[in-house]
mmCIF file of all heavy atoms, coordinates in Angstrom:
data_MODEL
# 
_entry.id   MODEL 
# 
loop_
_atom_site.group_PDB 
_atom_site.id 
_atom_site.type_symbol 
_atom_site.label_atom_id 
_atom_site.label_alt_id 
_atom_site.label_comp_id 
_atom_site.label_asym_id 
_atom_site.label_entity_id 
_atom_site.label_seq_id 
_atom_site.pdbx_PDB_ins_code 
_atom_site.Cartn_x 
_atom_site.Cartn_y 
_atom_site.Cartn_z 
_atom_site.occupancy 
_atom_site.B_iso_or_equiv 
_atom_site.pdbx_formal_charge 
_atom_site.auth_seq_id 
_atom_site.auth_comp_id 
_atom_site.auth_asym_id 
_atom_site.auth_atom_id 
_atom_site.pdbx_PDB_model_num 
ATOM 1   N N   . THR A 1 1  ? 0.875   -1.150 -0.025 1.00 0.00 ? 1  THR A N   1 
ATOM 2   C CA  . THR A 1 1  ? -0.017  -0.024 0.004  1.00 0.00 ? 1  THR A CA  1 
ATOM 3   C C   . THR A 1 1  ? 0.842   1.233  0.011  1.00 0.00 ? 1  THR A C   1 
ATOM 4   O O   . THR A 1 1  ? 1.758   1.391  0.822  1.00 0.00 ? 1  THR A O   1 
ATOM 5   C CB  . THR A 1 1  ? -0.873  0.027  1.172  1.00 0.00 ? 1  THR A CB  1 
ATOM 6   O OG1 . THR A 1 1  ? -1.743  -1.133 1.249  1.00 0.00 ? 1  THR A OG1 1 
ATOM 7   C CG2 . THR A 1 1  ? -1.832  1.266  1.191  1.00 0.00 ? 1  THR A CG2 1 
ATOM 8   N N   . ILE A 1 2  ? 0.653   2.157  -0.972 1.00 0.00 ? 2  ILE A N   1 
ATOM 9   C CA  . ILE A 1 2  ? 1.509   3.328  -1.061 1.00 0.00 ? 2  ILE A CA  1 
ATOM 10  C C   . ILE A 1 2  ? 0.941   4.395  -0.217 1.00 0.00 ? 2  ILE A C   1 
ATOM 11  O O   . ILE A 1 2  ? -0.223  4.698  -0.199 1.00 0.00 ? 2  ILE A O   1 
ATOM 12  C CB  . ILE A 1 2  ? 1.580   3.847  -2.566 1.00 0.00 ? 2  ILE A CB  1 
ATOM 13  C CG1 . ILE A 1 2  ? 2.150   2.721  -3.443 1.00 0.00 ? 2  ILE A CG1 1 
ATOM 14  C CG2 . ILE A 1 2  ? 2.393   5.097  -2.697 1.00 0.00 ? 2  ILE A CG2 1 
ATOM 15  C CD1 . ILE A 1 2  ? 2.188   3.142  -4.897 1.00 0.00 ? 2  ILE A CD1 1 
ATOM 16  N N   . LEU A 1 3  ? 1.809   5.025  0.697  1.00 0.00 ? 3  LEU A N   1 
ATOM 17  C CA  . LEU A 1 3  ? 1.427   6.172  1.514  1.00 0.00 ? 3  LEU A CA  1 
ATOM 18  C C   . LEU A 1 3  ? 2.176   7.357  1.041  1.00 0.00 ? 3  LEU A C   1 
ATOM 19  O O   . LEU A 1 3  ? 3.401   7.463  1.317  1.00 0.00 ? 3  LEU A O   1 
ATOM 20  C CB  . LEU A 1 3  ? 1.823   5.808  2.933  1.00 0.00 ? 3  LEU A CB  1 
ATOM 21  C CG  . LEU A 1 3  ? 1.276   4.431  3.502  1.00 0.00 ? 3  LEU A CG  1 
ATOM 22  C CD1 . LEU A 1 3  ? 1.720   4.212  4.952  1.00 0.00 ? 3  LEU A CD1 1 
ATOM 23  C CD2 . LEU A 1 3  ? -0.260  4.411  3.441  1.00 0.00 ? 3  LEU A CD2 1 
ATOM 24  N N   . ARG A 1 4  ? 1.533   8.210  0.278  1.00 0.00 ? 4  ARG A N   1 
ATOM 25  C CA  . ARG A 1 4  ? 2.202   9.361  -0.331 1.00 0.00 ? 4  ARG A CA  1 
ATOM 26  C C   . ARG A 1 4  ? 2.229   10.575 0.633  1.00 0.00 ? 4  ARG A C   1 
ATOM 27  O O   . ARG A 1 4  ? 3.001   11.550 0.333  1.00 0.00 ? 4  ARG A O   1 
ATOM 28  C CB  . ARG A 1 4  ? 1.552   9.722  -1.599 1.00 0.00 ? 4  ARG A CB  1 
ATOM 29  C CG  . ARG A 1 4  ? 1.565   8.649  -2.695 1.00 0.00 ? 4  ARG A CG  1 
ATOM 30  C CD  . ARG A 1 4  ? 1.095   9.069  -4.008 1.00 0.00 ? 4  ARG A CD  1 
ATOM 31  N NE  . ARG A 1 4  ? 1.169   8.014  -5.029 1.00 0.00 ? 4  ARG A NE  1 
ATOM 32  C CZ  . ARG A 1 4  ? 2.250   7.736  -5.774 1.00 0.00 ? 4  ARG A CZ  1 
ATOM 33  N NH1 . ARG A 1 4  ? 3.390   8.460  -5.604 1.00 0.00 ? 4  ARG A NH1 1 
ATOM 34  N NH2 . ARG A 1 4  ? 2.225   6.770  -6.653 1.00 0.00 ? 4  ARG A NH2 1 
ATOM 35  N N   . ASP A 1 5  ? 1.373   10.632 1.619  1.00 0.00 ? 5  ASP A N   1 
ATOM 36  C CA  . ASP A 1 5  ? 1.388   11.866 2.515  1.00 0.00 ? 5  ASP A CA  1 
ATOM 37  C C   . ASP A 1 5  ? 1.234   11.398 3.884  1.00 0.00 ? 5  ASP A C   1 
ATOM 38  O O   . ASP A 1 5  ? 1.037   10.283 4.269  1.00 0.00 ? 5  ASP A O   1 
ATOM 39  C CB  . ASP A 1 5  ? 0.266   12.796 2.091  1.00 0.00 ? 5  ASP A CB  1 
ATOM 40  C CG  . ASP A 1 5  ? -1.064  12.102 1.966  1.00 0.00 ? 5  ASP A CG  1 
ATOM 41  O OD1 . ASP A 1 5  ? -1.310  11.077 2.675  1.00 0.00 ? 5  ASP A OD1 1 
ATOM 42  O OD2 . ASP A 1 5  ? -1.932  12.600 1.215  1.00 0.00 ? 5  ASP A OD2 1 
ATOM 43  N N   . ASP A 1 6  ? 1.305   12.403 4.786  1.00 0.00 ? 6  ASP A N   1 
ATOM 44  C CA  . ASP A 1 6  ? 1.209   12.112 6.225  1.00 0.00 ? 6  ASP A CA  1 
ATOM 45  C C   . ASP A 1 6  ? -0.176  11.693 6.634  1.00 0.00 ? 6  ASP A C   1 
ATOM 46  O O   . ASP A 1 6  ? -0.330  10.871 7.549  1.00 0.00 ? 6  ASP A O   1 
ATOM 47  C CB  . ASP A 1 6  ? 1.648   13.357 7.023  1.00 0.00 ? 6  ASP A CB  1 
ATOM 48  C CG  . ASP A 1 6  ? 1.681   13.103 8.554  1.00 0.00 ? 6  ASP A CG  1 
ATOM 49  O OD1 . ASP A 1 6  ? 2.483   12.312 8.937  1.00 0.00 ? 6  ASP A OD1 1 
ATOM 50  O OD2 . ASP A 1 6  ? 0.891   13.800 9.263  1.00 0.00 ? 6  ASP A OD2 1 
ATOM 51  N N   . GLY A 1 7  ? -1.189  12.151 5.989  1.00 0.00 ? 7  GLY A N   1 
ATOM 52  C CA  . GLY A 1 7  ? -2.552  11.759 6.342  1.00 0.00 ? 7  GLY A CA  1 
ATOM 53  C C   . GLY A 1 7  ? -2.832  10.288 6.214  1.00 0.00 ? 7  GLY A C   1 
ATOM 54  O O   . GLY A 1 7  ? -3.387  9.652  7.027  1.00 0.00 ? 7  GLY A O   1 
ATOM 55  N N   . SER A 1 8  ? -2.372  9.694  5.013  1.00 0.00 ? 8  SER A N   1 
ATOM 56  C CA  . SER A 1 8  ? -2.572  8.282  4.817  1.00 0.00 ? 8  SER A CA  1 
ATOM 57  C C   . SER A 1 8  ? -1.712  7.452  5.821  1.00 0.00 ? 8  SER A C   1 
ATOM 58  O O   . SER A 1 8  ? -2.217  6.392  6.251  1.00 0.00 ? 8  SER A O   1 
ATOM 59  C CB  . SER A 1 8  ? -2.186  7.896  3.390  1.00 0.00 ? 8  SER A CB  1 
ATOM 60  O OG  . SER A 1 8  ? -0.903  8.269  3.135  1.00 0.00 ? 8  SER A OG  1 
ATOM 61  N N   . ALA A 1 9  ? -0.533  7.877  6.172  1.00 0.00 ? 9  ALA A N   1 
ATOM 62  C CA  . ALA A 1 9  ? 0.263   7.134  7.115  1.00 0.00 ? 9  ALA A CA  1 
ATOM 63  C C   . ALA A 1 9  ? -0.402  7.229  8.534  1.00 0.00 ? 9  ALA A C   1 
ATOM 64  O O   . ALA A 1 9  ? -0.454  6.207  9.231  1.00 0.00 ? 9  ALA A O   1 
ATOM 65  C CB  . ALA A 1 9  ? 1.667   7.734  7.184  1.00 0.00 ? 9  ALA A CB  1 
ATOM 66  N N   . ARG A 1 10 ? -0.950  8.347  8.878  1.00 0.00 ? 10 ARG A N   1 
ATOM 67  C CA  . ARG A 1 10 ? -1.624  8.424  10.258 1.00 0.00 ? 10 ARG A CA  1 
ATOM 68  C C   . ARG A 1 10 ? -2.879  7.613  10.255 1.00 0.00 ? 10 ARG A C   1 
ATOM 69  O O   . ARG A 1 10 ? -3.203  7.001  11.230 1.00 0.00 ? 10 ARG A O   1 
ATOM 70  C CB  . ARG A 1 10 ? -2.036  9.944  10.496 1.00 0.00 ? 10 ARG A CB  1 
ATOM 71  C CG  . ARG A 1 10 ? -0.807  10.797 10.935 1.00 0.00 ? 10 ARG A CG  1 
ATOM 72  C CD  . ARG A 1 10 ? -1.336  12.026 11.579 1.00 0.00 ? 10 ARG A CD  1 
ATOM 73  N NE  . ARG A 1 10 ? -2.295  12.761 10.819 1.00 0.00 ? 10 ARG A NE  1 
ATOM 74  C CZ  . ARG A 1 10 ? -2.012  13.766 10.004 1.00 0.00 ? 10 ARG A CZ  1 
ATOM 75  N NH1 . ARG A 1 10 ? -0.758  14.170 9.923  1.00 0.00 ? 10 ARG A NH1 1 
ATOM 76  N NH2 . ARG A 1 10 ? -2.939  14.428 9.351  1.00 0.00 ? 10 ARG A NH2 1 
ATOM 77  N N   . GLY A 1 11 ? -3.639  7.612  9.052  1.00 0.00 ? 11 GLY A N   1 
ATOM 78  C CA  . GLY A 1 11 ? -4.816  6.717  9.099  1.00 0.00 ? 11 GLY A CA  1 
ATOM 79  C C   . GLY A 1 11 ? -4.453  5.243  9.271  1.00 0.00 ? 11 GLY A C   1 
ATOM 80  O O   . GLY A 1 11 ? -5.191  4.518  10.040 1.00 0.00 ? 11 GLY A O   1 
ATOM 81  N N   . LEU A 1 12 ? -3.459  4.802  8.622  1.00 0.00 ? 12 LEU A N   1 
ATOM 82  C CA  . LEU A 1 12 ? -3.028  3.371  8.779  1.00 0.00 ? 12 LEU A CA  1 
ATOM 83  C C   . LEU A 1 12 ? -2.560  3.098  10.224 1.00 0.00 ? 12 LEU A C   1 
ATOM 84  O O   . LEU A 1 12 ? -2.898  2.067  10.792 1.00 0.00 ? 12 LEU A O   1 
ATOM 85  C CB  . LEU A 1 12 ? -1.851  3.084  7.826  1.00 0.00 ? 12 LEU A CB  1 
ATOM 86  C CG  . LEU A 1 12 ? -1.363  1.662  7.801  1.00 0.00 ? 12 LEU A CG  1 
ATOM 87  C CD1 . LEU A 1 12 ? -2.402  0.646  7.403  1.00 0.00 ? 12 LEU A CD1 1 
ATOM 88  C CD2 . LEU A 1 12 ? -0.175  1.483  6.857  1.00 0.00 ? 12 LEU A CD2 1 
ATOM 89  N N   . ALA A 1 13 ? -1.726  3.996  10.813 1.00 0.00 ? 13 ALA A N   1 
ATOM 90  C CA  . ALA A 1 13 ? -1.248  3.793  12.156 1.00 0.00 ? 13 ALA A CA  1 
ATOM 91  C C   . ALA A 1 13 ? -2.436  3.803  13.129 1.00 0.00 ? 13 ALA A C   1 
ATOM 92  O O   . ALA A 1 13 ? -2.469  3.010  14.117 1.00 0.00 ? 13 ALA A O   1 
ATOM 93  C CB  . ALA A 1 13 ? -0.218  4.868  12.518 1.00 0.00 ? 13 ALA A CB  1 
ATOM 94  N N   . SER A 1 14 ? -3.371  4.700  12.945 1.00 0.00 ? 14 SER A N   1 
ATOM 95  C CA  . SER A 1 14 ? -4.563  4.691  13.803 1.00 0.00 ? 14 SER A CA  1 
ATOM 96  C C   . SER A 1 14 ? -5.353  3.457  13.803 1.00 0.00 ? 14 SER A C   1 
ATOM 97  O O   . SER A 1 14 ? -5.831  2.967  14.780 1.00 0.00 ? 14 SER A O   1 
ATOM 98  C CB  . SER A 1 14 ? -5.452  6.000  13.522 1.00 0.00 ? 14 SER A CB  1 
ATOM 99  O OG  . SER A 1 14 ? -4.708  7.192  13.630 1.00 0.00 ? 14 SER A OG  1 
ATOM 100 N N   . ASP A 1 15 ? -5.511  2.845  12.610 1.00 0.00 ? 15 ASP A N   1 
ATOM 101 C CA  . ASP A 1 15 ? -6.243  1.666  12.510 1.00 0.00 ? 15 ASP A CA  1 
ATOM 102 C C   . ASP A 1 15 ? -5.539  0.541  13.256 1.00 0.00 ? 15 ASP A C   1 
ATOM 103 O O   . ASP A 1 15 ? -6.248  -0.246 14.003 1.00 0.00 ? 15 ASP A O   1 
ATOM 104 C CB  . ASP A 1 15 ? -6.338  1.288  10.973 1.00 0.00 ? 15 ASP A CB  1 
ATOM 105 C CG  . ASP A 1 15 ? -7.089  -0.041 10.803 1.00 0.00 ? 15 ASP A CG  1 
ATOM 106 O OD1 . ASP A 1 15 ? -8.288  -0.102 11.190 1.00 0.00 ? 15 ASP A OD1 1 
ATOM 107 O OD2 . ASP A 1 15 ? -6.517  -1.017 10.212 1.00 0.00 ? 15 ASP A OD2 1 
ATOM 108 N N   . ARG A 1 16 ? -4.207  0.381  13.160 1.00 0.00 ? 16 ARG A N   1 
ATOM 109 C CA  . ARG A 1 16 ? -3.505  -0.637 13.869 1.00 0.00 ? 16 ARG A CA  1 
ATOM 110 C C   . ARG A 1 16 ? -3.542  -0.318 15.419 1.00 0.00 ? 16 ARG A C   1 
ATOM 111 O O   . ARG A 1 16 ? -3.703  -1.250 16.244 1.00 0.00 ? 16 ARG A O   1 
ATOM 112 C CB  . ARG A 1 16 ? -2.111  -0.771 13.392 1.00 0.00 ? 16 ARG A CB  1 
ATOM 113 C CG  . ARG A 1 16 ? -1.864  -1.755 12.294 1.00 0.00 ? 16 ARG A CG  1 
ATOM 114 C CD  . ARG A 1 16 ? -2.800  -1.546 11.152 1.00 0.00 ? 16 ARG A CD  1 
ATOM 115 N NE  . ARG A 1 16 ? -2.551  -2.490 10.043 1.00 0.00 ? 16 ARG A NE  1 
ATOM 116 C CZ  . ARG A 1 16 ? -3.210  -2.537 8.934  1.00 0.00 ? 16 ARG A CZ  1 
ATOM 117 N NH1 . ARG A 1 16 ? -4.342  -1.696 8.792  1.00 0.00 ? 16 ARG A NH1 1 
ATOM 118 N NH2 . ARG A 1 16 ? -3.009  -3.383 7.987  1.00 0.00 ? 16 ARG A NH2 1 
ATOM 119 N N   . TYR A 1 17 ? -3.385  0.887  15.736 1.00 0.00 ? 17 TYR A N   1 
ATOM 120 C CA  . TYR A 1 17 ? -3.340  1.246  17.173 1.00 0.00 ? 17 TYR A CA  1 
ATOM 121 C C   . TYR A 1 17 ? -4.771  0.988  17.811 1.00 0.00 ? 17 TYR A C   1 
ATOM 122 O O   . TYR A 1 17 ? -4.820  0.511  18.954 1.00 0.00 ? 17 TYR A O   1 
ATOM 123 C CB  . TYR A 1 17 ? -3.061  2.761  17.291 1.00 0.00 ? 17 TYR A CB  1 
ATOM 124 C CG  . TYR A 1 17 ? -2.990  3.285  18.737 1.00 0.00 ? 17 TYR A CG  1 
ATOM 125 C CD1 . TYR A 1 17 ? -1.912  3.033  19.557 1.00 0.00 ? 17 TYR A CD1 1 
ATOM 126 C CD2 . TYR A 1 17 ? -4.071  4.027  19.252 1.00 0.00 ? 17 TYR A CD2 1 
ATOM 127 C CE1 . TYR A 1 17 ? -1.868  3.534  20.837 1.00 0.00 ? 17 TYR A CE1 1 
ATOM 128 C CE2 . TYR A 1 17 ? -4.007  4.484  20.494 1.00 0.00 ? 17 TYR A CE2 1 
ATOM 129 C CZ  . TYR A 1 17 ? -2.955  4.253  21.291 1.00 0.00 ? 17 TYR A CZ  1 
ATOM 130 O OH  . TYR A 1 17 ? -2.902  4.687  22.590 1.00 0.00 ? 17 TYR A OH  1 
ATOM 131 N N   . ASP A 1 18 ? -5.789  1.288  17.113 1.00 0.00 ? 18 ASP A N   1 
ATOM 132 C CA  . ASP A 1 18 ? -7.179  1.040  17.658 1.00 0.00 ? 18 ASP A CA  1 
ATOM 133 C C   . ASP A 1 18 ? -7.383  -0.434 17.865 1.00 0.00 ? 18 ASP A C   1 
ATOM 134 O O   . ASP A 1 18 ? -7.992  -0.849 18.900 1.00 0.00 ? 18 ASP A O   1 
ATOM 135 C CB  . ASP A 1 18 ? -8.231  1.621  16.751 1.00 0.00 ? 18 ASP A CB  1 
ATOM 136 C CG  . ASP A 1 18 ? -8.162  3.133  16.687 1.00 0.00 ? 18 ASP A CG  1 
ATOM 137 O OD1 . ASP A 1 18 ? -7.593  3.714  17.634 1.00 0.00 ? 18 ASP A OD1 1 
ATOM 138 O OD2 . ASP A 1 18 ? -8.664  3.749  15.721 1.00 0.00 ? 18 ASP A OD2 1 
ATOM 139 N N   . TYR A 1 19 ? -6.873  -1.266 16.971 1.00 0.00 ? 19 TYR A N   1 
ATOM 140 C CA  . TYR A 1 19 ? -7.067  -2.676 17.144 1.00 0.00 ? 19 TYR A CA  1 
ATOM 141 C C   . TYR A 1 19 ? -6.283  -3.183 18.380 1.00 0.00 ? 19 TYR A C   1 
ATOM 142 O O   . TYR A 1 19 ? -6.800  -3.974 19.225 1.00 0.00 ? 19 TYR A O   1 
ATOM 143 C CB  . TYR A 1 19 ? -6.520  -3.447 15.937 1.00 0.00 ? 19 TYR A CB  1 
ATOM 144 C CG  . TYR A 1 19 ? -6.357  -4.934 16.227 1.00 0.00 ? 19 TYR A CG  1 
ATOM 145 C CD1 . TYR A 1 19 ? -7.483  -5.753 16.281 1.00 0.00 ? 19 TYR A CD1 1 
ATOM 146 C CD2 . TYR A 1 19 ? -5.098  -5.517 16.348 1.00 0.00 ? 19 TYR A CD2 1 
ATOM 147 C CE1 . TYR A 1 19 ? -7.349  -7.125 16.509 1.00 0.00 ? 19 TYR A CE1 1 
ATOM 148 C CE2 . TYR A 1 19 ? -4.923  -6.816 16.597 1.00 0.00 ? 19 TYR A CE2 1 
ATOM 149 C CZ  . TYR A 1 19 ? -6.093  -7.671 16.687 1.00 0.00 ? 19 TYR A CZ  1 
ATOM 150 O OH  . TYR A 1 19 ? -5.947  -9.026 16.930 1.00 0.00 ? 19 TYR A OH  1 
ATOM 151 N N   . VAL A 1 20 ? -5.056  -2.753 18.624 1.00 0.00 ? 20 VAL A N   1 
ATOM 152 C CA  . VAL A 1 20 ? -4.307  -3.127 19.780 1.00 0.00 ? 20 VAL A CA  1 
ATOM 153 C C   . VAL A 1 20 ? -4.933  -2.654 21.067 1.00 0.00 ? 20 VAL A C   1 
ATOM 154 O O   . VAL A 1 20 ? -5.093  -3.412 22.057 1.00 0.00 ? 20 VAL A O   1 
ATOM 155 C CB  . VAL A 1 20 ? -2.822  -2.652 19.641 1.00 0.00 ? 20 VAL A CB  1 
ATOM 156 C CG1 . VAL A 1 20 ? -2.071  -3.013 20.940 1.00 0.00 ? 20 VAL A CG1 1 
ATOM 157 C CG2 . VAL A 1 20 ? -2.119  -3.309 18.478 1.00 0.00 ? 20 VAL A CG2 1 
ATOM 158 N N   . ILE A 1 21 ? -5.388  -1.344 21.115 1.00 0.00 ? 21 ILE A N   1 
ATOM 159 C CA  . ILE A 1 21 ? -6.012  -0.883 22.320 1.00 0.00 ? 21 ILE A CA  1 
ATOM 160 C C   . ILE A 1 21 ? -7.289  -1.558 22.560 1.00 0.00 ? 21 ILE A C   1 
ATOM 161 O O   . ILE A 1 21 ? -7.584  -1.859 23.744 1.00 0.00 ? 21 ILE A O   1 
ATOM 162 C CB  . ILE A 1 21 ? -6.226  0.680  22.134 1.00 0.00 ? 21 ILE A CB  1 
ATOM 163 C CG1 . ILE A 1 21 ? -4.891  1.377  22.089 1.00 0.00 ? 21 ILE A CG1 1 
ATOM 164 C CG2 . ILE A 1 21 ? -7.089  1.194  23.285 1.00 0.00 ? 21 ILE A CG2 1 
ATOM 165 C CD1 . ILE A 1 21 ? -3.996  1.255  23.263 1.00 0.00 ? 21 ILE A CD1 1 
ATOM 166 N N   . GLY A 1 22 ? -8.067  -1.851 21.537 1.00 0.00 ? 22 GLY A N   1 
ATOM 167 C CA  . GLY A 1 22 ? -9.340  -2.618 21.816 1.00 0.00 ? 22 GLY A CA  1 
ATOM 168 C C   . GLY A 1 22 ? -9.105  -3.985 22.335 1.00 0.00 ? 22 GLY A C   1 
ATOM 169 O O   . GLY A 1 22 ? -9.782  -4.447 23.234 1.00 0.00 ? 22 GLY A O   1 
ATOM 170 N N   . ASP A 1 23 ? -8.079  -4.674 21.889 1.00 0.00 ? 23 ASP A N   1 
ATOM 171 C CA  . ASP A 1 23 ? -7.764  -5.971 22.421 1.00 0.00 ? 23 ASP A CA  1 
ATOM 172 C C   . ASP A 1 23 ? -7.276  -5.883 23.847 1.00 0.00 ? 23 ASP A C   1 
ATOM 173 O O   . ASP A 1 23 ? -7.621  -6.719 24.695 1.00 0.00 ? 23 ASP A O   1 
ATOM 174 C CB  . ASP A 1 23 ? -6.689  -6.629 21.521 1.00 0.00 ? 23 ASP A CB  1 
ATOM 175 C CG  . ASP A 1 23 ? -6.310  -8.050 21.981 1.00 0.00 ? 23 ASP A CG  1 
ATOM 176 O OD1 . ASP A 1 23 ? -7.251  -8.920 21.853 1.00 0.00 ? 23 ASP A OD1 1 
ATOM 177 O OD2 . ASP A 1 23 ? -5.234  -8.213 22.447 1.00 0.00 ? 23 ASP A OD2 1 
ATOM 178 N N   . ARG A 1 24 ? -6.528  -4.880 24.192 1.00 0.00 ? 24 ARG A N   1 
ATOM 179 C CA  . ARG A 1 24 ? -6.055  -4.643 25.545 1.00 0.00 ? 24 ARG A CA  1 
ATOM 180 C C   . ARG A 1 24 ? -7.211  -4.430 26.501 1.00 0.00 ? 24 ARG A C   1 
ATOM 181 O O   . ARG A 1 24 ? -7.326  -4.903 27.650 1.00 0.00 ? 24 ARG A O   1 
ATOM 182 C CB  . ARG A 1 24 ? -5.015  -3.513 25.600 1.00 0.00 ? 24 ARG A CB  1 
ATOM 183 C CG  . ARG A 1 24 ? -4.520  -3.187 27.017 1.00 0.00 ? 24 ARG A CG  1 
ATOM 184 C CD  . ARG A 1 24 ? -3.795  -4.425 27.614 1.00 0.00 ? 24 ARG A CD  1 
ATOM 185 N NE  . ARG A 1 24 ? -3.354  -4.087 28.958 1.00 0.00 ? 24 ARG A NE  1 
ATOM 186 C CZ  . ARG A 1 24 ? -2.198  -3.529 29.228 1.00 0.00 ? 24 ARG A CZ  1 
ATOM 187 N NH1 . ARG A 1 24 ? -1.390  -3.184 28.249 1.00 0.00 ? 24 ARG A NH1 1 
ATOM 188 N NH2 . ARG A 1 24 ? -1.812  -3.272 30.484 1.00 0.00 ? 24 ARG A NH2 1 
ATOM 189 N N   . GLN A 1 25 ? -8.177  -3.569 26.046 1.00 0.00 ? 25 GLN A N   1 
ATOM 190 C CA  . GLN A 1 25 ? -9.409  -3.279 26.844 1.00 0.00 ? 25 GLN A CA  1 
ATOM 191 C C   . GLN A 1 25 ? -10.210 -4.503 27.053 1.00 0.00 ? 25 GLN A C   1 
ATOM 192 O O   . GLN A 1 25 ? -10.747 -4.670 28.183 1.00 0.00 ? 25 GLN A O   1 
ATOM 193 C CB  . GLN A 1 25 ? -10.163 -2.135 26.188 1.00 0.00 ? 25 GLN A CB  1 
ATOM 194 C CG  . GLN A 1 25 ? -9.503  -0.822 26.127 1.00 0.00 ? 25 GLN A CG  1 
ATOM 195 C CD  . GLN A 1 25 ? -10.243 0.170  25.393 1.00 0.00 ? 25 GLN A CD  1 
ATOM 196 O OE1 . GLN A 1 25 ? -11.251 -0.100 24.759 1.00 0.00 ? 25 GLN A OE1 1 
ATOM 197 N NE2 . GLN A 1 25 ? -9.796  1.423  25.428 1.00 0.00 ? 25 GLN A NE2 1 
ATOM 198 N N   . ARG A 1 26 ? -10.298 -5.375 26.106 1.00 0.00 ? 26 ARG A N   1 
ATOM 199 C CA  . ARG A 1 26 ? -11.034 -6.646 26.317 1.00 0.00 ? 26 ARG A CA  1 
ATOM 200 C C   . ARG A 1 26 ? -10.391 -7.559 27.383 1.00 0.00 ? 26 ARG A C   1 
ATOM 201 O O   . ARG A 1 26 ? -11.001 -8.093 28.154 1.00 0.00 ? 26 ARG A O   1 
ATOM 202 C CB  . ARG A 1 26 ? -11.215 -7.391 24.952 1.00 0.00 ? 26 ARG A CB  1 
ATOM 203 C CG  . ARG A 1 26 ? -12.215 -6.722 24.017 1.00 0.00 ? 26 ARG A CG  1 
ATOM 204 C CD  . ARG A 1 26 ? -12.501 -7.640 22.877 1.00 0.00 ? 26 ARG A CD  1 
ATOM 205 N NE  . ARG A 1 26 ? -11.309 -7.884 22.011 1.00 0.00 ? 26 ARG A NE  1 
ATOM 206 C CZ  . ARG A 1 26 ? -10.946 -7.123 20.966 1.00 0.00 ? 26 ARG A CZ  1 
ATOM 207 N NH1 . ARG A 1 26 ? -11.697 -6.147 20.647 1.00 0.00 ? 26 ARG A NH1 1 
ATOM 208 N NH2 . ARG A 1 26 ? -9.872  -7.471 20.284 1.00 0.00 ? 26 ARG A NH2 1 
ATOM 209 N N   . GLN A 1 27 ? -9.082  -7.546 27.322 1.00 0.00 ? 27 GLN A N   1 
ATOM 210 C CA  . GLN A 1 27 ? -8.424  -8.314 28.307 1.00 0.00 ? 27 GLN A CA  1 
ATOM 211 C C   . GLN A 1 27 ? -8.497  -7.719 29.686 1.00 0.00 ? 27 GLN A C   1 
ATOM 212 O O   . GLN A 1 27 ? -8.660  -8.423 30.690 1.00 0.00 ? 27 GLN A O   1 
ATOM 213 C CB  . GLN A 1 27 ? -6.889  -8.407 27.912 1.00 0.00 ? 27 GLN A CB  1 
ATOM 214 C CG  . GLN A 1 27 ? -6.621  -9.223 26.680 1.00 0.00 ? 27 GLN A CG  1 
ATOM 215 C CD  . GLN A 1 27 ? -5.179  -9.288 26.302 1.00 0.00 ? 27 GLN A CD  1 
ATOM 216 O OE1 . GLN A 1 27 ? -4.290  -8.771 26.986 1.00 0.00 ? 27 GLN A OE1 1 
ATOM 217 N NE2 . GLN A 1 27 ? -4.854  -9.917 25.152 1.00 0.00 ? 27 GLN A NE2 1 
ATOM 218 N N   . ASP A 1 28 ? -8.434  -6.392 29.805 1.00 0.00 ? 28 ASP A N   1 
ATOM 219 C CA  . ASP A 1 28 ? -8.490  -5.736 31.106 1.00 0.00 ? 28 ASP A CA  1 
ATOM 220 C C   . ASP A 1 28 ? -9.895  -5.930 31.762 1.00 0.00 ? 28 ASP A C   1 
ATOM 221 O O   . ASP A 1 28 ? -10.047 -6.009 32.978 1.00 0.00 ? 28 ASP A O   1 
ATOM 222 C CB  . ASP A 1 28 ? -8.220  -4.212 30.996 1.00 0.00 ? 28 ASP A CB  1 
ATOM 223 C CG  . ASP A 1 28 ? -6.707  -3.965 30.677 1.00 0.00 ? 28 ASP A CG  1 
ATOM 224 O OD1 . ASP A 1 28 ? -5.966  -4.958 30.881 1.00 0.00 ? 28 ASP A OD1 1 
ATOM 225 O OD2 . ASP A 1 28 ? -6.364  -2.936 30.143 1.00 0.00 ? 28 ASP A OD2 1 
# 
């Protein structure tokens, strides 16, 4: 997946971050 600007990179990072935080909240 090509990320040509900062917005697309932030969107991808937010998607992965939300998944990790959601899994941690389920465990807690």
